Amino acid sequence: MAIGVDGSTAVLTPQERLQERLADPNTVDALHRLLDRLDVIVFTAEALEGFLRRAEVVADSVAQGVADLRKISGEEGGAEMVGNLPRMMRAGGELAERFERPEMRRLLDSGLLESLAEPNTLTALKALLGKLELVSFLLDGLDGFLSRSDTWIESVAAGVADLKQAAPEIDGEKIRKVVATLPSLVDAGTVLSEAGMFDPKTVQVLADVGRTVAASHDEIRQAPPQRAIGVFDLLRALRDPEIQSSVRLALYVAKRYGRGLGGS
């Protein structure tokens, strides 16, 4: 509405009202700001237009996602899962924050997680977890042993000192010789064991023979000197039943030994 020269009012046309508003400084500033952000406005308008064109597809995708979520959680667990979403989001945020820490980054870059994921490592860890109580007991025992290591060392040192005082005349050269012969003794013991020399029956027979030889040795040393034994003396001795038993045993042994020689 405009005021004429004679004081009367005149109605403005739409073009005049538009020119009046465009001449307003506030309108000019607003148009400048709008022109400065014209690219953002155009991008937003195009994105909104694309969203509206795909509104049905987006709605179908959301509906399908909700249906899949219900299938996964079950009809009764859906409300519980939705109720847990805030807590899950907070846990995810905390987990992401922890993964951004330098120590977690060093752990990821060290390759330790890749080593733990190997099948052999997982199998060993499962076996270790199955015997965790035993491992804990052994570690406690080792910790106690290490905590008393000073006492053990002092006891061992005192024992060595007492041993030196009790046996000051030990010959080191003899000890070295005995140690040097140990491998040969072990080999000989292995051969004798494989040959059955340590069988209880064989040991008993050898013990009887040894006692008999020792007793005979003592008896002949205590007997008075006698004349030499001739062929006829041997023939008469063979009539003795006890000597015949010994000769028969010697013949059986010779026969078995000869059988073994023939087989080899």
C-alpha atoms as a PDB file:
ATOM      1  CA  MET A   1       0.000   0.000   0.000  1.00  0.00           C
ATOM      2  CA  ALA A   2       1.466   3.395  -1.047  1.00  0.00           C
ATOM      3  CA  ILE A   3       0.461   6.990  -0.026  1.00  0.00           C
ATOM      4  CA  GLY A   4      -0.296   9.424  -2.881  1.00  0.00           C
ATOM      5  CA  VAL A   5       0.561  13.169  -3.203  1.00  0.00           C
ATOM      6  CA  ASP A   6      -2.917  14.224  -2.090  1.00  0.00           C
ATOM      7  CA  GLY A   7      -2.727  11.925   0.945  1.00  0.00           C
ATOM      8  CA  SER A   8      -4.805   9.156  -0.522  1.00  0.00           C
ATOM      9  CA  THR A   9      -3.668   5.539  -0.443  1.00  0.00           C
ATOM     10  CA  ALA A  10      -3.022   3.430  -3.516  1.00  0.00           C
ATOM     11  CA  VAL A  11      -2.853  -0.364  -3.754  1.00  0.00           C
ATOM     12  CA  LEU A  12       0.574  -1.698  -4.886  1.00  0.00           C
ATOM     13  CA  THR A  13       0.798  -4.247  -7.601  1.00  0.00           C
ATOM     14  CA  PRO A  14       2.527  -7.577  -6.964  1.00  0.00           C
ATOM     15  CA  GLN A  15       5.554  -6.416  -8.937  1.00  0.00           C
ATOM     16  CA  GLU A  16       5.803  -3.297  -6.802  1.00  0.00           C
ATOM     17  CA  ARG A  17       5.522  -5.324  -3.598  1.00  0.00           C
ATOM     18  CA  LEU A  18       8.308  -7.649  -4.875  1.00  0.00           C
ATOM     19  CA  GLN A  19      10.538  -4.689  -5.714  1.00  0.00           C
ATOM     20  CA  GLU A  20       9.840  -3.219  -2.264  1.00  0.00           C
ATOM     21  CA  ARG A  21      10.856  -6.475  -0.536  1.00  0.00           C
ATOM     22  CA  LEU A  22      13.930  -6.906  -2.711  1.00  0.00           C
ATOM     23  CA  ALA A  23      14.995  -3.390  -1.746  1.00  0.00           C
ATOM     24  CA  ASP A  24      14.914  -4.368   1.943  1.00  0.00           C
ATOM     25  CA  PRO A  25      18.520  -4.739   3.318  1.00  0.00           C
ATOM     26  CA  ASN A  26      17.556  -7.854   5.306  1.00  0.00           C
ATOM     27  CA  THR A  27      16.245  -9.499   2.167  1.00  0.00           C
ATOM     28  CA  VAL A  28      19.436  -8.620   0.303  1.00  0.00           C
ATOM     29  CA  ASP A  29      21.595 -10.191   3.078  1.00  0.00           C
ATOM     30  CA  ALA A  30      19.428 -13.327   3.097  1.00  0.00           C
ATOM     31  CA  LEU A  31      19.750 -13.663  -0.686  1.00  0.00           C
ATOM     32  CA  HIS A  32      23.524 -13.311  -0.441  1.00  0.00           C
ATOM     33  CA  ARG A  33      23.714 -16.069   2.189  1.00  0.00           C
ATOM     34  CA  LEU A  34      21.434 -18.235   0.097  1.00  0.00           C
ATOM     35  CA  LEU A  35      23.616 -17.781  -2.981  1.00  0.00           C
ATOM     36  CA  ASP A  36      26.751 -18.632  -0.942  1.00  0.00           C
ATOM     37  CA  ARG A  37      25.188 -21.999  -0.016  1.00  0.00           C
ATOM     38  CA  LEU A  38      23.532 -22.667  -3.339  1.00  0.00           C
ATOM     39  CA  ASP A  39      25.656 -25.802  -4.069  1.00  0.00           C
ATOM     40  CA  VAL A  40      24.693 -27.348  -0.729  1.00  0.00           C
ATOM     41  CA  ILE A  41      21.036 -26.576  -1.350  1.00  0.00           C
ATOM     42  CA  VAL A  42      21.195 -28.155  -4.808  1.00  0.00           C
ATOM     43  CA  PHE A  43      22.935 -31.323  -3.431  1.00  0.00           C
ATOM     44  CA  THR A  44      20.367 -31.632  -0.631  1.00  0.00           C
ATOM     45  CA  ALA A  45      17.495 -31.208  -3.070  1.00  0.00           C
ATOM     46  CA  GLU A  46      18.890 -33.875  -5.404  1.00  0.00           C
ATOM     47  CA  ALA A  47      19.486 -36.280  -2.525  1.00  0.00           C
ATOM     48  CA  LEU A  48      15.957 -35.714  -1.224  1.00  0.00           C
ATOM     49  CA  GLU A  49      14.566 -36.256  -4.712  1.00  0.00           C
ATOM     50  CA  GLY A  50      16.535 -39.533  -5.038  1.00  0.00           C
ATOM     51  CA  PHE A  51      15.362 -40.678  -1.588  1.00  0.00           C
ATOM     52  CA  LEU A  52      11.743 -39.946  -2.463  1.00  0.00           C
ATOM     53  CA  ARG A  53      12.087 -41.875  -5.723  1.00  0.00           C
ATOM     54  CA  ARG A  54      13.516 -44.868  -3.796  1.00  0.00           C
ATOM     55  CA  ALA A  55      11.185 -44.541  -0.803  1.00  0.00           C
ATOM     56  CA  GLU A  56       9.376 -47.776  -1.594  1.00  0.00           C
ATOM     57  CA  VAL A  57      12.656 -49.711  -1.995  1.00  0.00           C
ATOM     58  CA  VAL A  58      13.997 -48.322   1.279  1.00  0.00           C
ATOM     59  CA  ALA A  59      10.745 -49.193   3.064  1.00  0.00           C
ATOM     60  CA  ASP A  60      10.871 -52.746   1.711  1.00  0.00           C
ATOM     61  CA  SER A  61      14.526 -53.115   2.815  1.00  0.00           C
ATOM     62  CA  VAL A  62      13.703 -51.883   6.328  1.00  0.00           C
ATOM     63  CA  ALA A  63      10.731 -54.239   6.539  1.00  0.00           C
ATOM     64  CA  GLN A  64      12.857 -57.166   5.350  1.00  0.00           C
ATOM     65  CA  GLY A  65      15.569 -56.294   7.905  1.00  0.00           C
ATOM     66  CA  VAL A  66      13.037 -56.207  10.730  1.00  0.00           C
ATOM     67  CA  ALA A  67      11.625 -59.558   9.598  1.00  0.00           C
ATOM     68  CA  ASP A  68      15.117 -61.097   9.530  1.00  0.00           C
ATOM     69  CA  LEU A  69      15.833 -59.670  12.980  1.00  0.00           C
ATOM     70  CA  ARG A  70      12.669 -61.242  14.301  1.00  0.00           C
ATOM     71  CA  LYS A  71      13.629 -64.604  12.786  1.00  0.00           C
ATOM     72  CA  ILE A  72      17.054 -64.450  14.398  1.00  0.00           C
ATOM     73  CA  SER A  73      15.855 -63.343  17.834  1.00  0.00           C
ATOM     74  CA  GLY A  74      12.526 -65.204  17.844  1.00  0.00           C
ATOM     75  CA  GLU A  75       9.087 -63.799  18.419  1.00  0.00           C
ATOM     76  CA  GLU A  76       9.496 -63.668  22.197  1.00  0.00           C
ATOM     77  CA  GLY A  77      13.097 -62.457  22.207  1.00  0.00           C
ATOM     78  CA  GLY A  78      12.548 -59.498  19.899  1.00  0.00           C
ATOM     79  CA  ALA A  79      11.435 -57.123  22.650  1.00  0.00           C
ATOM     80  CA  GLU A  80      14.332 -58.217  24.863  1.00  0.00           C
ATOM     81  CA  MET A  81      16.820 -57.690  22.049  1.00  0.00           C
ATOM     82  CA  VAL A  82      15.416 -54.239  21.299  1.00  0.00           C
ATOM     83  CA  GLY A  83      15.646 -53.408  24.977  1.00  0.00           C
ATOM     84  CA  ASN A  84      19.289 -54.474  24.972  1.00  0.00           C
ATOM     85  CA  LEU A  85      20.186 -52.301  21.984  1.00  0.00           C
ATOM     86  CA  PRO A  86      21.236 -49.259  24.085  1.00  0.00           C
ATOM     87  CA  ARG A  87      23.488 -51.424  26.218  1.00  0.00           C
ATOM     88  CA  MET A  88      24.926 -53.079  23.114  1.00  0.00           C
ATOM     89  CA  MET A  89      25.599 -49.675  21.590  1.00  0.00           C
ATOM     90  CA  ARG A  90      27.385 -48.522  24.742  1.00  0.00           C
ATOM     91  CA  ALA A  91      29.433 -51.743  24.817  1.00  0.00           C
ATOM     92  CA  GLY A  92      30.328 -51.253  21.155  1.00  0.00           C
ATOM     93  CA  GLY A  93      31.422 -47.699  21.865  1.00  0.00           C
ATOM     94  CA  GLU A  94      33.599 -48.817  24.790  1.00  0.00           C
ATOM     95  CA  LEU A  95      35.088 -51.598  22.672  1.00  0.00           C
ATOM     96  CA  ALA A  96      35.897 -49.176  19.866  1.00  0.00           C
ATOM     97  CA  GLU A  97      37.488 -46.793  22.375  1.00  0.00           C
ATOM     98  CA  ARG A  98      39.644 -49.569  23.799  1.00  0.00           C
ATOM     99  CA  PHE A  99      40.778 -50.628  20.326  1.00  0.00           C
ATOM    100  CA  GLU A 100      41.992 -47.094  19.710  1.00  0.00           C
ATOM    101  CA  ARG A 101      44.391 -47.242  22.663  1.00  0.00           C
ATOM    102  CA  PRO A 102      48.143 -47.440  21.875  1.00  0.00           C
ATOM    103  CA  GLU A 103      48.656 -50.669  23.833  1.00  0.00           C
ATOM    104  CA  MET A 104      45.856 -52.391  21.900  1.00  0.00           C
ATOM    105  CA  ARG A 105      47.348 -51.150  18.645  1.00  0.00           C
ATOM    106  CA  ARG A 106      50.745 -52.566  19.655  1.00  0.00           C
ATOM    107  CA  LEU A 107      49.073 -55.899  20.456  1.00  0.00           C
ATOM    108  CA  LEU A 108      47.404 -56.019  17.029  1.00  0.00           C
ATOM    109  CA  ASP A 109      50.657 -55.159  15.261  1.00  0.00           C
ATOM    110  CA  SER A 110      52.753 -57.691  17.230  1.00  0.00           C
ATOM    111  CA  GLY A 111      51.278 -60.742  15.444  1.00  0.00           C
ATOM    112  CA  LEU A 112      50.405 -62.400  18.762  1.00  0.00           C
ATOM    113  CA  LEU A 113      46.734 -62.781  17.853  1.00  0.00           C
ATOM    114  CA  GLU A 114      47.673 -64.537  14.587  1.00  0.00           C
ATOM    115  CA  SER A 115      49.884 -66.969  16.538  1.00  0.00           C
ATOM    116  CA  LEU A 116      47.104 -67.672  19.031  1.00  0.00           C
ATOM    117  CA  ALA A 117      44.687 -68.398  16.161  1.00  0.00           C
ATOM    118  CA  GLU A 118      46.848 -71.257  14.804  1.00  0.00           C
ATOM    119  CA  PRO A 119      45.289 -74.738  15.281  1.00  0.00           C
ATOM    120  CA  ASN A 120      48.293 -76.151  17.168  1.00  0.00           C
ATOM    121  CA  THR A 121      48.302 -73.199  19.548  1.00  0.00           C
ATOM    122  CA  LEU A 122      44.567 -73.495  20.177  1.00  0.00           C
ATOM    123  CA  THR A 123      44.909 -77.227  20.878  1.00  0.00           C
ATOM    124  CA  ALA A 124      47.753 -76.582  23.325  1.00  0.00           C
ATOM    125  CA  LEU A 125      45.755 -73.841  25.072  1.00  0.00           C
ATOM    126  CA  LYS A 126      42.738 -76.145  25.419  1.00  0.00           C
ATOM    127  CA  ALA A 127      44.954 -78.867  26.933  1.00  0.00           C
ATOM    128  CA  LEU A 128      46.508 -76.284  29.274  1.00  0.00           C
ATOM    129  CA  LEU A 129      43.105 -75.025  30.392  1.00  0.00           C
ATOM    130  CA  GLY A 130      42.036 -78.608  31.065  1.00  0.00           C
ATOM    131  CA  LYS A 131      44.960 -78.988  33.491  1.00  0.00           C
ATOM    132  CA  LEU A 132      44.818 -75.471  34.912  1.00  0.00           C
ATOM    133  CA  GLU A 133      44.547 -76.656  38.521  1.00  0.00           C
ATOM    134  CA  LEU A 134      47.688 -78.788  38.155  1.00  0.00           C
ATOM    135  CA  VAL A 135      49.558 -75.900  36.521  1.00  0.00           C
ATOM    136  CA  SER A 136      48.474 -73.587  39.347  1.00  0.00           C
ATOM    137  CA  PHE A 137      49.672 -76.127  41.927  1.00  0.00           C
ATOM    138  CA  LEU A 138      53.052 -76.506  40.195  1.00  0.00           C
ATOM    139  CA  LEU A 139      53.477 -72.737  39.946  1.00  0.00           C
ATOM    140  CA  ASP A 140      52.670 -72.335  43.633  1.00  0.00           C
ATOM    141  CA  GLY A 141      55.233 -75.024  44.467  1.00  0.00           C
ATOM    142  CA  LEU A 142      57.841 -73.400  42.240  1.00  0.00           C
ATOM    143  CA  ASP A 143      57.142 -70.025  43.792  1.00  0.00           C
ATOM    144  CA  GLY A 144      57.627 -71.513  47.255  1.00  0.00           C
ATOM    145  CA  PHE A 145      60.844 -73.206  46.149  1.00  0.00           C
ATOM    146  CA  LEU A 146      62.222 -69.964  44.678  1.00  0.00           C
ATOM    147  CA  SER A 147      61.246 -68.021  47.769  1.00  0.00           C
ATOM    148  CA  ARG A 148      63.286 -70.501  49.842  1.00  0.00           C
ATOM    149  CA  SER A 149      66.148 -70.776  47.359  1.00  0.00           C
ATOM    150  CA  ASP A 150      68.576 -69.006  49.686  1.00  0.00           C
ATOM    151  CA  THR A 151      67.895 -71.557  52.415  1.00  0.00           C
ATOM    152  CA  TRP A 152      68.342 -74.456  49.966  1.00  0.00           C
ATOM    153  CA  ILE A 153      71.630 -73.071  48.675  1.00  0.00           C
ATOM    154  CA  GLU A 154      72.962 -72.671  52.203  1.00  0.00           C
ATOM    155  CA  SER A 155      71.917 -76.244  53.050  1.00  0.00           C
ATOM    156  CA  VAL A 156      73.610 -77.656  49.938  1.00  0.00           C
ATOM    157  CA  ALA A 157      76.767 -75.678  50.639  1.00  0.00           C
ATOM    158  CA  ALA A 158      76.817 -76.943  54.223  1.00  0.00           C
ATOM    159  CA  GLY A 159      76.331 -80.526  53.001  1.00  0.00           C
ATOM    160  CA  VAL A 160      79.216 -80.222  50.548  1.00  0.00           C
ATOM    161  CA  ALA A 161      81.445 -78.855  53.281  1.00  0.00           C
ATOM    162  CA  ASP A 162      80.512 -81.734  55.599  1.00  0.00           C
ATOM    163  CA  LEU A 163      81.222 -84.237  52.806  1.00  0.00           C
ATOM    164  CA  LYS A 164      84.652 -82.732  52.220  1.00  0.00           C
ATOM    165  CA  GLN A 165      85.455 -83.006  55.920  1.00  0.00           C
ATOM    166  CA  ALA A 166      84.194 -86.616  56.104  1.00  0.00           C
ATOM    167  CA  ALA A 167      86.163 -87.813  53.049  1.00  0.00           C
ATOM    168  CA  PRO A 168      89.153 -85.562  52.519  1.00  0.00           C
ATOM    169  CA  GLU A 169      91.232 -88.295  50.838  1.00  0.00           C
ATOM    170  CA  ILE A 170      89.031 -88.912  47.772  1.00  0.00           C
ATOM    171  CA  ASP A 171      91.175 -89.590  44.747  1.00  0.00           C
ATOM    172  CA  GLY A 172      89.920 -87.495  41.839  1.00  0.00           C
ATOM    173  CA  GLU A 173      91.840 -89.599  39.286  1.00  0.00           C
ATOM    174  CA  LYS A 174      90.054 -92.772  40.383  1.00  0.00           C
ATOM    175  CA  ILE A 175      86.714 -91.036  40.159  1.00  0.00           C
ATOM    176  CA  ARG A 176      87.501 -89.920  36.603  1.00  0.00           C
ATOM    177  CA  LYS A 177      88.477 -93.470  35.663  1.00  0.00           C
ATOM    178  CA  VAL A 178      85.252 -94.860  37.098  1.00  0.00           C
ATOM    179  CA  VAL A 179      83.214 -92.250  35.242  1.00  0.00           C
ATOM    180  CA  ALA A 180      85.088 -93.047  32.014  1.00  0.00           C
ATOM    181  CA  THR A 181      84.209 -96.760  32.319  1.00  0.00           C
ATOM    182  CA  LEU A 182      80.507 -96.102  32.930  1.00  0.00           C
ATOM    183  CA  PRO A 183      79.521 -96.243  29.216  1.00  0.00           C
ATOM    184  CA  SER A 184      81.248 -99.624  28.809  1.00  0.00           C
ATOM    185  CA  LEU A 185      79.528-100.928  31.933  1.00  0.00           C
ATOM    186  CA  VAL A 186      76.164 -99.755  30.618  1.00  0.00           C
ATOM    187  CA  ASP A 187      76.761-101.514  27.282  1.00  0.00           C
ATOM    188  CA  ALA A 188      77.861-104.687  29.034  1.00  0.00           C
ATOM    189  CA  GLY A 189      74.809-104.572  31.289  1.00  0.00           C
ATOM    190  CA  THR A 190      72.576-104.209  28.238  1.00  0.00           C
ATOM    191  CA  VAL A 191      74.143-107.220  26.567  1.00  0.00           C
ATOM    192  CA  LEU A 192      73.823-109.346  29.730  1.00  0.00           C
ATOM    193  CA  SER A 193      70.205-108.293  30.178  1.00  0.00           C
ATOM    194  CA  GLU A 194      69.344-109.223  26.586  1.00  0.00           C
ATOM    195  CA  ALA A 195      71.098-112.576  27.066  1.00  0.00           C
ATOM    196  CA  GLY A 196      68.900-113.360  30.090  1.00  0.00           C
ATOM    197  CA  MET A 197      71.717-113.227  32.621  1.00  0.00           C
ATOM    198  CA  PHE A 198      69.524-111.201  34.997  1.00  0.00           C
ATOM    199  CA  ASP A 199      66.706-113.710  34.872  1.00  0.00           C
ATOM    200  CA  PRO A 200      65.949-114.876  38.463  1.00  0.00           C
ATOM    201  CA  LYS A 201      66.506-118.535  37.604  1.00  0.00           C
ATOM    202  CA  THR A 202      69.822-117.813  35.876  1.00  0.00           C
ATOM    203  CA  VAL A 203      70.974-115.655  38.772  1.00  0.00           C
ATOM    204  CA  GLN A 204      70.117-118.424  41.226  1.00  0.00           C
ATOM    205  CA  VAL A 205      72.114-121.025  39.232  1.00  0.00           C
ATOM    206  CA  LEU A 206      75.127-118.712  38.970  1.00  0.00           C
ATOM    207  CA  ALA A 207      74.922-118.017  42.702  1.00  0.00           C
ATOM    208  CA  ASP A 208      74.907-121.754  43.477  1.00  0.00           C
ATOM    209  CA  VAL A 209      77.910-122.322  41.190  1.00  0.00           C
ATOM    210  CA  GLY A 210      79.750-119.414  42.770  1.00  0.00           C
ATOM    211  CA  ARG A 211      79.167-120.659  46.299  1.00  0.00           C
ATOM    212  CA  THR A 212      80.224-124.174  45.309  1.00  0.00           C
ATOM    213  CA  VAL A 213      83.449-122.922  43.692  1.00  0.00           C
ATOM    214  CA  ALA A 214      84.286-120.774  46.694  1.00  0.00           C
ATOM    215  CA  ALA A 215      83.653-123.609  49.160  1.00  0.00           C
ATOM    216  CA  SER A 216      85.739-126.000  47.029  1.00  0.00           C
ATOM    217  CA  HIS A 217      88.539-123.461  46.886  1.00  0.00           C
ATOM    218  CA  ASP A 218      88.591-123.158  50.658  1.00  0.00           C
ATOM    219  CA  GLU A 219      88.433-126.925  51.055  1.00  0.00           C
ATOM    220  CA  ILE A 220      91.380-127.648  48.735  1.00  0.00           C
ATOM    221  CA  ARG A 221      93.502-124.966  50.410  1.00  0.00           C
ATOM    222  CA  GLN A 222      92.882-126.492  53.813  1.00  0.00           C
ATOM    223  CA  ALA A 223      93.497-130.115  52.680  1.00  0.00           C
ATOM    224  CA  PRO A 224      97.005-131.597  53.059  1.00  0.00           C
ATOM    225  CA  PRO A 225      99.162-131.882  49.909  1.00  0.00           C
ATOM    226  CA  GLN A 226      98.396-134.937  47.802  1.00  0.00           C
ATOM    227  CA  ARG A 227     100.074-136.668  44.931  1.00  0.00           C
ATOM    228  CA  ALA A 228      99.248-135.829  41.333  1.00  0.00           C
ATOM    229  CA  ILE A 229      96.028-137.214  39.853  1.00  0.00           C
ATOM    230  CA  GLY A 230      96.533-139.695  37.040  1.00  0.00           C
ATOM    231  CA  VAL A 231      94.324-141.142  34.353  1.00  0.00           C
ATOM    232  CA  PHE A 232      93.290-144.119  36.510  1.00  0.00           C
ATOM    233  CA  ASP A 233      92.406-141.726  39.342  1.00  0.00           C
ATOM    234  CA  LEU A 234      90.076-139.887  36.942  1.00  0.00           C
ATOM    235  CA  LEU A 235      88.469-143.139  35.857  1.00  0.00           C
ATOM    236  CA  ARG A 236      87.876-144.182  39.468  1.00  0.00           C
ATOM    237  CA  ALA A 237      86.477-140.684  40.247  1.00  0.00           C
ATOM    238  CA  LEU A 238      83.944-141.016  37.442  1.00  0.00           C
ATOM    239  CA  ARG A 239      82.322-143.842  39.375  1.00  0.00           C
ATOM    240  CA  ASP A 240      81.349-141.361  42.118  1.00  0.00           C
ATOM    241  CA  PRO A 241      77.584-140.487  41.707  1.00  0.00           C
ATOM    242  CA  GLU A 242      78.134-136.855  42.668  1.00  0.00           C
ATOM    243  CA  ILE A 243      80.907-136.437  40.101  1.00  0.00           C
ATOM    244  CA  GLN A 244      78.755-138.228  37.527  1.00  0.00           C
ATOM    245  CA  SER A 245      75.993-135.613  38.115  1.00  0.00           C
ATOM    246  CA  SER A 246      78.461-132.774  37.577  1.00  0.00           C
ATOM    247  CA  VAL A 247      79.872-134.418  34.436  1.00  0.00           C
ATOM    248  CA  ARG A 248      76.353-135.008  33.117  1.00  0.00           C
ATOM    249  CA  LEU A 249      75.531-131.316  33.661  1.00  0.00           C
ATOM    250  CA  ALA A 250      78.722-130.316  31.848  1.00  0.00           C
ATOM    251  CA  LEU A 251      77.801-132.583  28.927  1.00  0.00           C
ATOM    252  CA  TYR A 252      74.296-131.047  28.668  1.00  0.00           C
ATOM    253  CA  VAL A 253      75.755-127.565  28.710  1.00  0.00           C
ATOM    254  CA  ALA A 254      78.293-128.472  26.053  1.00  0.00           C
ATOM    255  CA  LYS A 255      75.566-130.017  23.908  1.00  0.00           C
ATOM    256  CA  ARG A 256      73.329-126.933  24.077  1.00  0.00           C
ATOM    257  CA  TYR A 257      76.233-124.565  23.448  1.00  0.00           C
ATOM    258  CA  GLY A 258      77.369-126.653  20.487  1.00  0.00           C
ATOM    259  CA  ARG A 259      73.807-126.589  19.109  1.00  0.00           C
ATOM    260  CA  GLY A 260      73.920-122.832  19.228  1.00  0.00           C
ATOM    261  CA  LEU A 261      77.284-122.758  17.477  1.00  0.00           C
ATOM    262  CA  GLY A 262      75.971-125.003  14.753  1.00  0.00           C
ATOM    263  CA  GLY A 263      72.917-122.781  14.202  1.00  0.00           C
ATOM    264  CA  SER A 264      75.042-119.671  13.857  1.00  0.00           C
END
